[in-house]
Amino acid sequence: MIRFLTIGLVLAFSVLQAGDPVEYVGGNSCKMCHKSVEKGNMHALWSETAHATALATLNSDNALKYAKERGLETAPSESGECLVCHTTGYGQGGYELLSAEFIADEANKRAVKKNKNLENVTCEACHGPGKGYKSKKTMTGIFDGTIEADSVGLITPTEETCRGCHNEKSPGFKEFNYEERLATIAHPYPEGMRP
């Protein structure tokens, strides 16, 4: 009994030390505020990029060829090695492969819907898990300077962020020119909207 209590205390202490768990909210949470033309039409701009269809590319002939060459035992669309860069937050509390039992469980309908919104390379893949900054009040605080973006988990992506996936480990890697690639995914706020 003492052994189990000790293990329980160690686990509880570990959770307290780790702080708040990372929580992804899914791209539709972002879309609610970032779809209007007045705010830059960001969601529509994103939907025209390769990031918006990243998961589907794992079913392509090239992806299947790469998987075979690398000796993957599962399809690319079911391999963590591929999903980590073709979905949002895989292996970090975000997108996950759903079992038939999980999907069939009536209590998990909300989780299944959220998971669907983490398919592909969505907002949170580049800007960080959104639970801490998704509210309008928080975003207003960031814009007016009363809240530091990084204090609530909002990341300003850098070249290093992109190179987390766009690197030599990727089987389809081609030379990565950050400035050129950034231009293909640009979704800026309208002039005068940012502080």
N, C-alpha and C. Protein backbone atom coordinates (compact mmCIF):
# COMPACT_ATOMS: atom_id res chain seq x y z
N MET A 1 0.83 -1.19 0.00
CA MET A 1 0.00 0.00 0.00
C MET A 1 0.88 1.26 0.00
N ILE A 2 1.91 1.27 0.82
CA ILE A 2 2.81 2.43 0.89
C ILE A 2 3.49 2.63 -0.46
N ARG A 3 3.82 1.52 -1.09
CA ARG A 3 4.46 1.60 -2.41
C ARG A 3 3.57 2.33 -3.41
N PHE A 4 2.26 1.98 -3.44
CA PHE A 4 1.32 2.61 -4.37
C PHE A 4 1.13 4.09 -4.03
N LEU A 5 1.08 4.42 -2.75
CA LEU A 5 0.95 5.81 -2.33
C LEU A 5 2.18 6.62 -2.76
N THR A 6 3.35 6.02 -2.62
CA THR A 6 4.58 6.70 -3.02
C THR A 6 4.59 6.95 -4.52
N ILE A 7 4.21 5.95 -5.29
CA ILE A 7 4.15 6.11 -6.75
C ILE A 7 3.15 7.21 -7.10
N GLY A 8 1.98 7.19 -6.43
CA GLY A 8 0.96 8.21 -6.68
C GLY A 8 1.47 9.61 -6.38
N LEU A 9 2.18 9.78 -5.27
CA LEU A 9 2.73 11.08 -4.90
C LEU A 9 3.79 11.54 -5.90
N VAL A 10 4.63 10.63 -6.35
CA VAL A 10 5.65 10.98 -7.33
C VAL A 10 4.99 11.44 -8.63
N LEU A 11 3.96 10.71 -9.07
CA LEU A 11 3.25 11.10 -10.30
C LEU A 11 2.57 12.46 -10.14
N ALA A 12 1.92 12.66 -9.02
CA ALA A 12 1.24 13.94 -8.78
C ALA A 12 2.24 15.09 -8.77
N PHE A 13 3.38 14.89 -8.12
CA PHE A 13 4.40 15.92 -8.08
C PHE A 13 4.93 16.21 -9.48
N SER A 14 5.10 15.16 -10.29
CA SER A 14 5.59 15.34 -11.66
C SER A 14 4.63 16.18 -12.47
N VAL A 15 3.33 15.92 -12.31
CA VAL A 15 2.32 16.69 -13.03
C VAL A 15 2.35 18.15 -12.59
N LEU A 16 2.45 18.39 -11.30
CA LEU A 16 2.51 19.76 -10.79
C LEU A 16 3.74 20.49 -11.32
N GLN A 17 4.87 19.79 -11.38
CA GLN A 17 6.09 20.42 -11.87
C GLN A 17 6.01 20.71 -13.36
N ALA A 18 5.29 19.88 -14.10
CA ALA A 18 5.20 20.05 -15.55
C ALA A 18 4.34 21.25 -15.92
N GLY A 19 3.51 21.73 -15.00
CA GLY A 19 2.65 22.87 -15.31
C GLY A 19 1.40 22.41 -16.06
N ASP A 20 0.72 23.36 -16.68
CA ASP A 20 -0.49 23.03 -17.42
C ASP A 20 -0.16 22.13 -18.60
N PRO A 21 -1.02 21.14 -18.86
CA PRO A 21 -0.77 20.28 -20.00
C PRO A 21 -0.97 21.06 -21.30
N VAL A 22 -0.25 20.65 -22.31
CA VAL A 22 -0.40 21.24 -23.63
C VAL A 22 -1.78 20.87 -24.14
N GLU A 23 -2.52 21.83 -24.66
CA GLU A 23 -3.83 21.47 -25.19
C GLU A 23 -4.09 22.17 -26.51
N TYR A 24 -4.25 21.34 -27.52
CA TYR A 24 -4.60 21.83 -28.84
C TYR A 24 -6.11 21.99 -28.91
N VAL A 25 -6.58 23.00 -29.61
CA VAL A 25 -8.01 23.25 -29.71
C VAL A 25 -8.56 22.95 -31.09
N GLY A 26 -7.71 22.81 -32.10
CA GLY A 26 -8.16 22.51 -33.45
C GLY A 26 -8.36 23.76 -34.28
N GLY A 27 -8.14 23.61 -35.56
CA GLY A 27 -8.19 24.74 -36.49
C GLY A 27 -9.51 25.48 -36.56
N ASN A 28 -10.63 24.80 -36.29
CA ASN A 28 -11.91 25.50 -36.35
C ASN A 28 -12.05 26.55 -35.26
N SER A 29 -11.37 26.34 -34.14
CA SER A 29 -11.38 27.36 -33.08
C SER A 29 -10.70 28.63 -33.56
N CYS A 30 -9.65 28.47 -34.34
CA CYS A 30 -8.93 29.63 -34.89
C CYS A 30 -9.76 30.29 -36.00
N LYS A 31 -10.39 29.44 -36.79
CA LYS A 31 -11.18 29.92 -37.94
C LYS A 31 -12.27 30.89 -37.51
N MET A 32 -12.85 30.66 -36.35
CA MET A 32 -13.95 31.51 -35.90
C MET A 32 -13.60 32.99 -35.96
N CYS A 33 -12.36 33.34 -35.61
CA CYS A 33 -11.96 34.75 -35.60
C CYS A 33 -11.09 35.14 -36.79
N HIS A 34 -10.48 34.17 -37.45
CA HIS A 34 -9.52 34.48 -38.50
C HIS A 34 -10.01 34.14 -39.90
N LYS A 35 -11.32 34.25 -40.10
CA LYS A 35 -11.87 33.95 -41.42
C LYS A 35 -12.38 35.20 -42.14
N SER A 36 -12.57 36.28 -41.44
CA SER A 36 -13.14 37.46 -42.09
C SER A 36 -12.09 38.22 -42.90
N VAL A 37 -12.57 38.87 -43.94
CA VAL A 37 -11.70 39.67 -44.80
C VAL A 37 -11.08 40.81 -43.99
N GLU A 38 -11.84 41.38 -43.07
CA GLU A 38 -11.35 42.49 -42.25
C GLU A 38 -10.15 42.07 -41.41
N LYS A 39 -10.08 40.78 -41.06
CA LYS A 39 -8.98 40.29 -40.22
C LYS A 39 -7.94 39.54 -41.04
N GLY A 40 -7.98 39.71 -42.36
CA GLY A 40 -6.94 39.14 -43.20
C GLY A 40 -7.30 37.87 -43.94
N ASN A 41 -8.51 37.36 -43.74
CA ASN A 41 -8.95 36.17 -44.47
C ASN A 41 -7.96 35.01 -44.30
N MET A 42 -7.38 34.92 -43.13
CA MET A 42 -6.29 33.98 -42.88
C MET A 42 -6.65 32.52 -43.12
N HIS A 43 -7.82 32.12 -42.69
CA HIS A 43 -8.19 30.71 -42.86
C HIS A 43 -8.29 30.34 -44.34
N ALA A 44 -8.88 31.20 -45.13
CA ALA A 44 -8.98 30.93 -46.57
C ALA A 44 -7.60 30.88 -47.22
N LEU A 45 -6.72 31.77 -46.80
CA LEU A 45 -5.35 31.77 -47.35
C LEU A 45 -4.64 30.46 -46.99
N TRP A 46 -4.79 30.03 -45.74
CA TRP A 46 -4.18 28.77 -45.31
C TRP A 46 -4.74 27.61 -46.13
N SER A 47 -6.05 27.61 -46.37
CA SER A 47 -6.68 26.47 -47.05
C SER A 47 -6.19 26.28 -48.48
N GLU A 48 -5.51 27.28 -49.03
CA GLU A 48 -4.96 27.19 -50.39
C GLU A 48 -3.51 26.70 -50.39
N THR A 49 -2.94 26.42 -49.22
CA THR A 49 -1.54 26.00 -49.14
C THR A 49 -1.42 24.48 -49.06
N ALA A 50 -0.21 24.00 -49.26
CA ALA A 50 0.06 22.56 -49.13
C ALA A 50 -0.13 22.10 -47.68
N HIS A 51 0.00 23.00 -46.73
CA HIS A 51 -0.22 22.62 -45.33
C HIS A 51 -1.64 22.10 -45.12
N ALA A 52 -2.60 22.66 -45.84
CA ALA A 52 -4.01 22.29 -45.67
C ALA A 52 -4.33 20.88 -46.13
N THR A 53 -3.45 20.29 -46.92
CA THR A 53 -3.68 18.94 -47.42
C THR A 53 -2.52 17.99 -47.08
N ALA A 54 -1.76 18.35 -46.08
CA ALA A 54 -0.55 17.59 -45.73
C ALA A 54 -0.83 16.13 -45.40
N LEU A 55 -1.91 15.85 -44.70
CA LEU A 55 -2.22 14.47 -44.33
C LEU A 55 -2.55 13.64 -45.57
N ALA A 56 -3.29 14.20 -46.49
CA ALA A 56 -3.67 13.46 -47.71
C ALA A 56 -2.46 13.05 -48.53
N THR A 57 -1.39 13.83 -48.47
CA THR A 57 -0.19 13.48 -49.25
C THR A 57 0.43 12.17 -48.77
N LEU A 58 0.11 11.76 -47.56
CA LEU A 58 0.66 10.51 -47.05
C LEU A 58 0.05 9.28 -47.72
N ASN A 59 -0.99 9.48 -48.51
CA ASN A 59 -1.60 8.38 -49.26
C ASN A 59 -1.16 8.37 -50.71
N SER A 60 -0.25 9.25 -51.07
CA SER A 60 0.21 9.33 -52.46
C SER A 60 1.16 8.18 -52.79
N ASP A 61 1.36 7.96 -54.07
CA ASP A 61 2.30 6.92 -54.51
C ASP A 61 3.71 7.22 -54.00
N ASN A 62 4.11 8.50 -54.03
CA ASN A 62 5.45 8.86 -53.54
C ASN A 62 5.59 8.53 -52.06
N ALA A 63 4.58 8.84 -51.27
CA ALA A 63 4.66 8.56 -49.84
C ALA A 63 4.76 7.06 -49.59
N LEU A 64 4.00 6.29 -50.33
CA LEU A 64 4.06 4.83 -50.18
C LEU A 64 5.43 4.31 -50.58
N LYS A 65 6.02 4.90 -51.62
CA LYS A 65 7.37 4.51 -52.05
C LYS A 65 8.39 4.84 -50.96
N TYR A 66 8.30 6.06 -50.40
CA TYR A 66 9.23 6.46 -49.34
C TYR A 66 9.10 5.54 -48.13
N ALA A 67 7.86 5.19 -47.79
CA ALA A 67 7.63 4.33 -46.63
C ALA A 67 8.29 2.96 -46.85
N LYS A 68 8.13 2.43 -48.04
CA LYS A 68 8.74 1.13 -48.37
C LYS A 68 10.26 1.22 -48.30
N GLU A 69 10.84 2.30 -48.89
CA GLU A 69 12.29 2.49 -48.87
C GLU A 69 12.83 2.59 -47.45
N ARG A 70 12.05 3.20 -46.57
CA ARG A 70 12.49 3.38 -45.18
C ARG A 70 12.17 2.19 -44.29
N GLY A 71 11.48 1.23 -44.85
CA GLY A 71 11.16 0.02 -44.08
C GLY A 71 10.07 0.22 -43.05
N LEU A 72 9.18 1.18 -43.28
CA LEU A 72 8.08 1.38 -42.34
C LEU A 72 7.14 0.19 -42.38
N GLU A 73 6.69 -0.23 -41.23
CA GLU A 73 5.81 -1.39 -41.15
C GLU A 73 4.34 -1.01 -41.29
N THR A 74 4.04 0.28 -41.20
CA THR A 74 2.67 0.73 -41.34
C THR A 74 2.60 1.73 -42.50
N ALA A 75 1.39 2.00 -42.95
CA ALA A 75 1.18 2.98 -44.01
C ALA A 75 1.65 4.34 -43.50
N PRO A 76 2.13 5.21 -44.39
CA PRO A 76 2.58 6.53 -43.94
C PRO A 76 1.52 7.29 -43.14
N SER A 77 0.25 7.13 -43.52
CA SER A 77 -0.84 7.83 -42.83
C SER A 77 -1.12 7.26 -41.44
N GLU A 78 -0.40 6.20 -41.08
CA GLU A 78 -0.55 5.59 -39.75
C GLU A 78 0.78 5.50 -39.03
N SER A 79 1.80 6.14 -39.58
CA SER A 79 3.15 6.07 -39.01
C SER A 79 3.50 7.37 -38.30
N GLY A 80 3.85 7.26 -37.04
CA GLY A 80 4.23 8.44 -36.26
C GLY A 80 5.36 9.22 -36.89
N GLU A 81 6.27 8.51 -37.53
CA GLU A 81 7.41 9.15 -38.21
C GLU A 81 6.94 10.15 -39.27
N CYS A 82 5.80 9.86 -39.89
CA CYS A 82 5.25 10.75 -40.93
C CYS A 82 4.23 11.73 -40.34
N LEU A 83 3.39 11.23 -39.44
CA LEU A 83 2.31 12.04 -38.88
C LEU A 83 2.81 13.24 -38.09
N VAL A 84 3.99 13.14 -37.52
CA VAL A 84 4.51 14.24 -36.71
C VAL A 84 4.63 15.53 -37.52
N CYS A 85 4.84 15.43 -38.83
CA CYS A 85 4.95 16.63 -39.67
C CYS A 85 3.76 16.84 -40.60
N HIS A 86 2.86 15.88 -40.68
CA HIS A 86 1.72 16.00 -41.59
C HIS A 86 0.40 16.23 -40.85
N THR A 87 0.48 16.36 -39.53
CA THR A 87 -0.70 16.67 -38.71
C THR A 87 -0.26 17.71 -37.67
N THR A 88 -1.18 18.08 -36.83
CA THR A 88 -0.89 19.07 -35.80
C THR A 88 -0.80 18.41 -34.43
N GLY A 89 0.39 18.49 -33.83
CA GLY A 89 0.59 18.02 -32.47
C GLY A 89 0.66 16.54 -32.27
N TYR A 90 0.91 15.77 -33.33
CA TYR A 90 0.98 14.32 -33.16
C TYR A 90 2.09 13.97 -32.16
N GLY A 91 1.75 13.12 -31.20
CA GLY A 91 2.70 12.70 -30.19
C GLY A 91 2.93 13.73 -29.11
N GLN A 92 2.19 14.83 -29.16
CA GLN A 92 2.35 15.91 -28.18
C GLN A 92 0.99 16.33 -27.61
N GLY A 93 0.02 15.45 -27.66
CA GLY A 93 -1.31 15.77 -27.15
C GLY A 93 -2.25 16.31 -28.20
N GLY A 94 -1.84 16.29 -29.45
CA GLY A 94 -2.68 16.78 -30.54
C GLY A 94 -3.31 15.62 -31.31
N TYR A 95 -3.14 15.64 -32.62
CA TYR A 95 -3.72 14.61 -33.49
C TYR A 95 -3.29 13.22 -33.03
N GLU A 96 -4.22 12.28 -33.11
CA GLU A 96 -3.88 10.90 -32.78
C GLU A 96 -4.66 9.95 -33.66
N LEU A 97 -4.11 8.77 -33.83
CA LEU A 97 -4.81 7.73 -34.57
C LEU A 97 -5.93 7.23 -33.68
N LEU A 98 -7.11 7.15 -34.23
CA LEU A 98 -8.26 6.75 -33.44
C LEU A 98 -8.61 5.29 -33.69
N SER A 99 -8.79 4.58 -32.62
CA SER A 99 -9.18 3.17 -32.72
C SER A 99 -10.69 3.09 -32.94
N ALA A 100 -11.14 1.98 -33.42
CA ALA A 100 -12.58 1.78 -33.64
C ALA A 100 -13.34 1.92 -32.32
N GLU A 101 -12.73 1.46 -31.23
CA GLU A 101 -13.39 1.57 -29.93
C GLU A 101 -13.55 3.03 -29.51
N PHE A 102 -12.51 3.81 -29.77
CA PHE A 102 -12.55 5.23 -29.40
C PHE A 102 -13.65 5.94 -30.19
N ILE A 103 -13.71 5.69 -31.49
CA ILE A 103 -14.70 6.34 -32.34
C ILE A 103 -16.11 5.88 -31.96
N ALA A 104 -16.26 4.61 -31.64
CA ALA A 104 -17.57 4.07 -31.31
C ALA A 104 -18.09 4.56 -29.96
N ASP A 105 -17.21 4.98 -29.08
CA ASP A 105 -17.60 5.44 -27.75
C ASP A 105 -18.37 6.76 -27.88
N GLU A 106 -19.64 6.74 -27.51
CA GLU A 106 -20.50 7.92 -27.63
C GLU A 106 -19.92 9.15 -26.92
N ALA A 107 -19.22 8.93 -25.81
CA ALA A 107 -18.67 10.04 -25.03
C ALA A 107 -17.52 10.74 -25.76
N ASN A 108 -16.99 10.10 -26.79
CA ASN A 108 -15.83 10.66 -27.46
C ASN A 108 -16.15 11.43 -28.74
N LYS A 109 -17.41 11.67 -29.05
CA LYS A 109 -17.75 12.37 -30.29
C LYS A 109 -17.05 13.73 -30.37
N ARG A 110 -17.01 14.43 -29.27
CA ARG A 110 -16.34 15.73 -29.24
C ARG A 110 -14.84 15.60 -29.52
N ALA A 111 -14.22 14.58 -28.92
CA ALA A 111 -12.80 14.35 -29.12
C ALA A 111 -12.51 13.96 -30.57
N VAL A 112 -13.39 13.17 -31.17
CA VAL A 112 -13.22 12.77 -32.57
C VAL A 112 -13.30 14.01 -33.47
N LYS A 113 -14.26 14.88 -33.19
CA LYS A 113 -14.41 16.11 -33.98
C LYS A 113 -13.17 17.00 -33.82
N LYS A 114 -12.68 17.14 -32.61
CA LYS A 114 -11.48 17.93 -32.36
C LYS A 114 -10.28 17.33 -33.10
N ASN A 115 -10.16 16.02 -33.06
CA ASN A 115 -9.07 15.34 -33.74
C ASN A 115 -9.12 15.61 -35.24
N LYS A 116 -10.31 15.60 -35.80
CA LYS A 116 -10.49 15.88 -37.23
C LYS A 116 -9.94 17.27 -37.55
N ASN A 117 -10.09 18.21 -36.63
CA ASN A 117 -9.61 19.58 -36.82
C ASN A 117 -8.11 19.72 -36.59
N LEU A 118 -7.44 18.62 -36.26
CA LEU A 118 -5.99 18.63 -36.10
C LEU A 118 -5.29 17.88 -37.23
N GLU A 119 -6.10 17.41 -38.18
CA GLU A 119 -5.51 16.80 -39.37
C GLU A 119 -4.81 17.91 -40.16
N ASN A 120 -3.76 17.57 -40.81
CA ASN A 120 -2.98 18.50 -41.63
C ASN A 120 -2.13 19.43 -40.76
N VAL A 121 -1.44 20.33 -41.40
CA VAL A 121 -0.59 21.30 -40.69
C VAL A 121 -1.43 22.55 -40.51
N THR A 122 -2.10 22.62 -39.36
CA THR A 122 -3.02 23.71 -39.09
C THR A 122 -2.32 24.82 -38.30
N CYS A 123 -3.07 25.81 -37.92
CA CYS A 123 -2.56 27.00 -37.23
C CYS A 123 -1.64 26.65 -36.06
N GLU A 124 -2.09 25.73 -35.23
CA GLU A 124 -1.36 25.40 -34.01
C GLU A 124 -0.05 24.66 -34.27
N ALA A 125 0.11 24.07 -35.44
CA ALA A 125 1.38 23.41 -35.76
C ALA A 125 2.51 24.43 -35.81
N CYS A 126 2.20 25.64 -36.21
CA CYS A 126 3.20 26.70 -36.33
C CYS A 126 3.12 27.72 -35.20
N HIS A 127 1.93 27.95 -34.67
CA HIS A 127 1.73 29.01 -33.68
C HIS A 127 1.59 28.49 -32.25
N GLY A 128 1.66 27.17 -32.06
CA GLY A 128 1.59 26.60 -30.73
C GLY A 128 0.17 26.22 -30.32
N PRO A 129 0.03 25.27 -29.39
CA PRO A 129 -1.28 24.85 -28.91
C PRO A 129 -2.09 26.05 -28.43
N GLY A 130 -3.35 26.10 -28.84
CA GLY A 130 -4.15 27.31 -28.67
C GLY A 130 -4.94 27.51 -27.41
N LYS A 131 -4.97 26.55 -26.50
CA LYS A 131 -5.82 26.71 -25.33
C LYS A 131 -5.53 28.01 -24.57
N GLY A 132 -4.28 28.36 -24.44
CA GLY A 132 -3.91 29.53 -23.65
C GLY A 132 -4.19 30.87 -24.31
N TYR A 133 -4.35 30.90 -25.63
CA TYR A 133 -4.54 32.19 -26.30
C TYR A 133 -5.78 32.26 -27.18
N LYS A 134 -6.65 31.27 -27.14
CA LYS A 134 -7.78 31.24 -28.07
C LYS A 134 -8.89 32.25 -27.77
N SER A 135 -8.96 32.74 -26.57
CA SER A 135 -10.08 33.63 -26.25
C SER A 135 -9.86 35.04 -26.82
N LYS A 136 -10.96 35.69 -27.12
CA LYS A 136 -10.90 37.04 -27.66
C LYS A 136 -10.24 37.99 -26.66
N LYS A 137 -10.54 37.82 -25.39
CA LYS A 137 -9.96 38.67 -24.35
C LYS A 137 -8.43 38.55 -24.35
N THR A 138 -7.93 37.33 -24.47
CA THR A 138 -6.48 37.12 -24.49
C THR A 138 -5.86 37.73 -25.74
N MET A 139 -6.48 37.48 -26.90
CA MET A 139 -5.95 38.04 -28.14
C MET A 139 -5.96 39.57 -28.12
N THR A 140 -7.00 40.15 -27.54
CA THR A 140 -7.05 41.61 -27.40
C THR A 140 -5.90 42.09 -26.54
N GLY A 141 -5.63 41.37 -25.45
CA GLY A 141 -4.50 41.71 -24.57
C GLY A 141 -3.16 41.63 -25.28
N ILE A 142 -3.03 40.65 -26.15
CA ILE A 142 -1.79 40.52 -26.93
C ILE A 142 -1.65 41.71 -27.86
N PHE A 143 -2.73 42.07 -28.54
CA PHE A 143 -2.69 43.19 -29.48
C PHE A 143 -2.44 44.52 -28.79
N ASP A 144 -3.04 44.71 -27.59
CA ASP A 144 -2.84 46.00 -26.94
C ASP A 144 -1.59 46.04 -26.05
N GLY A 145 -0.87 44.92 -25.99
CA GLY A 145 0.40 44.90 -25.27
C GLY A 145 0.32 44.60 -23.79
N THR A 146 -0.86 44.26 -23.28
CA THR A 146 -0.99 43.96 -21.86
C THR A 146 -0.68 42.49 -21.55
N ILE A 147 -0.61 41.67 -22.60
CA ILE A 147 -0.26 40.25 -22.44
C ILE A 147 0.87 39.93 -23.41
N GLU A 148 1.90 39.27 -22.89
CA GLU A 148 2.99 38.81 -23.75
C GLU A 148 2.53 37.53 -24.45
N ALA A 149 2.65 37.49 -25.76
CA ALA A 149 2.17 36.35 -26.54
C ALA A 149 2.75 35.03 -26.05
N ASP A 150 4.04 35.00 -25.80
CA ASP A 150 4.67 33.74 -25.39
C ASP A 150 4.22 33.29 -24.00
N SER A 151 3.70 34.20 -23.17
CA SER A 151 3.24 33.81 -21.85
C SER A 151 1.98 32.95 -21.90
N VAL A 152 1.27 32.98 -23.01
CA VAL A 152 0.05 32.18 -23.17
C VAL A 152 0.23 31.11 -24.25
N GLY A 153 1.46 30.91 -24.68
CA GLY A 153 1.76 29.84 -25.63
C GLY A 153 1.70 30.20 -27.10
N LEU A 154 1.43 31.45 -27.42
CA LEU A 154 1.38 31.87 -28.83
C LEU A 154 2.79 32.06 -29.35
N ILE A 155 3.12 31.32 -30.38
CA ILE A 155 4.46 31.35 -30.96
C ILE A 155 4.46 32.19 -32.22
N THR A 156 5.47 33.01 -32.36
CA THR A 156 5.71 33.68 -33.63
C THR A 156 6.68 32.78 -34.38
N PRO A 157 6.21 32.12 -35.44
CA PRO A 157 7.07 31.16 -36.13
C PRO A 157 8.33 31.81 -36.70
N THR A 158 9.40 31.03 -36.68
CA THR A 158 10.68 31.46 -37.23
C THR A 158 11.14 30.41 -38.24
N GLU A 159 12.26 30.65 -38.85
CA GLU A 159 12.83 29.66 -39.76
C GLU A 159 13.05 28.34 -39.04
N GLU A 160 13.49 28.41 -37.80
CA GLU A 160 13.72 27.20 -37.00
C GLU A 160 12.42 26.41 -36.83
N THR A 161 11.30 27.10 -36.64
CA THR A 161 10.00 26.43 -36.53
C THR A 161 9.74 25.61 -37.77
N CYS A 162 9.92 26.23 -38.94
CA CYS A 162 9.66 25.55 -40.21
C CYS A 162 10.61 24.38 -40.44
N ARG A 163 11.86 24.58 -40.06
CA ARG A 163 12.87 23.54 -40.29
C ARG A 163 12.69 22.34 -39.36
N GLY A 164 11.77 22.44 -38.43
CA GLY A 164 11.44 21.27 -37.61
C GLY A 164 10.92 20.13 -38.47
N CYS A 165 10.28 20.47 -39.59
CA CYS A 165 9.78 19.46 -40.53
C CYS A 165 10.47 19.56 -41.89
N HIS A 166 10.72 20.75 -42.34
CA HIS A 166 11.35 20.95 -43.64
C HIS A 166 12.87 20.81 -43.51
N ASN A 167 13.29 19.56 -43.38
CA ASN A 167 14.72 19.28 -43.19
C ASN A 167 15.11 17.98 -43.89
N GLU A 168 16.35 17.62 -43.81
CA GLU A 168 16.90 16.46 -44.51
C GLU A 168 16.31 15.13 -44.05
N LYS A 169 15.66 15.10 -42.89
CA LYS A 169 15.05 13.86 -42.42
C LYS A 169 13.82 13.49 -43.24
N SER A 170 13.22 14.48 -43.88
CA SER A 170 12.04 14.25 -44.69
C SER A 170 12.44 13.56 -46.00
N PRO A 171 11.80 12.45 -46.34
CA PRO A 171 12.21 11.73 -47.54
C PRO A 171 12.01 12.52 -48.83
N GLY A 172 11.08 13.45 -48.84
CA GLY A 172 10.84 14.25 -50.04
C GLY A 172 11.51 15.61 -49.99
N PHE A 173 12.48 15.76 -49.10
CA PHE A 173 13.11 17.06 -48.89
C PHE A 173 13.77 17.59 -50.16
N LYS A 174 13.47 18.85 -50.42
CA LYS A 174 14.16 19.59 -51.47
C LYS A 174 14.75 20.80 -50.78
N GLU A 175 15.70 21.44 -51.39
CA GLU A 175 16.33 22.61 -50.77
C GLU A 175 15.24 23.53 -50.21
N PHE A 176 15.43 24.00 -48.99
CA PHE A 176 14.43 24.82 -48.33
C PHE A 176 14.92 26.26 -48.24
N ASN A 177 14.27 27.13 -49.01
CA ASN A 177 14.56 28.56 -48.96
C ASN A 177 13.46 29.20 -48.11
N TYR A 178 13.80 29.56 -46.91
CA TYR A 178 12.82 30.05 -45.94
C TYR A 178 12.02 31.23 -46.48
N GLU A 179 12.67 32.24 -47.01
CA GLU A 179 11.96 33.44 -47.48
C GLU A 179 10.99 33.11 -48.60
N GLU A 180 11.42 32.28 -49.54
CA GLU A 180 10.53 31.91 -50.65
C GLU A 180 9.34 31.10 -50.15
N ARG A 181 9.59 30.14 -49.28
CA ARG A 181 8.51 29.29 -48.78
C ARG A 181 7.55 30.07 -47.89
N LEU A 182 8.10 31.00 -47.12
CA LEU A 182 7.25 31.84 -46.27
C LEU A 182 6.26 32.63 -47.10
N ALA A 183 6.70 33.11 -48.25
CA ALA A 183 5.82 33.87 -49.15
C ALA A 183 4.64 33.02 -49.63
N THR A 184 4.84 31.71 -49.76
CA THR A 184 3.77 30.84 -50.25
C THR A 184 2.71 30.55 -49.20
N ILE A 185 3.02 30.81 -47.94
CA ILE A 185 2.04 30.55 -46.87
C ILE A 185 1.65 31.83 -46.13
N ALA A 186 2.05 32.97 -46.64
CA ALA A 186 1.81 34.25 -45.95
C ALA A 186 0.32 34.46 -45.68
N HIS A 187 0.03 34.91 -44.48
CA HIS A 187 -1.35 35.24 -44.09
C HIS A 187 -1.29 36.39 -43.07
N PRO A 188 -0.83 37.54 -43.53
CA PRO A 188 -0.64 38.67 -42.61
C PRO A 188 -1.95 39.33 -42.18
N TYR A 189 -1.85 40.00 -41.07
CA TYR A 189 -2.96 40.85 -40.64
C TYR A 189 -3.02 42.05 -41.58
N PRO A 190 -4.20 42.60 -41.78
CA PRO A 190 -4.30 43.81 -42.60
C PRO A 190 -3.50 44.95 -41.98
N GLU A 191 -3.04 45.84 -42.81
CA GLU A 191 -2.28 47.01 -42.36
C GLU A 191 -3.02 47.72 -41.26
N GLY A 192 -2.30 48.04 -40.19
CA GLY A 192 -2.87 48.80 -39.09
C GLY A 192 -3.58 47.95 -38.04
N MET A 193 -3.76 46.66 -38.29
CA MET A 193 -4.46 45.83 -37.31
C MET A 193 -3.56 45.42 -36.16
N ARG A 194 -2.30 45.20 -36.44
CA ARG A 194 -1.36 44.80 -35.38
C ARG A 194 -0.91 46.03 -34.62
N PRO A 195 -0.55 45.85 -33.34
CA PRO A 195 -0.08 47.00 -32.55
C PRO A 195 1.27 47.50 -33.05
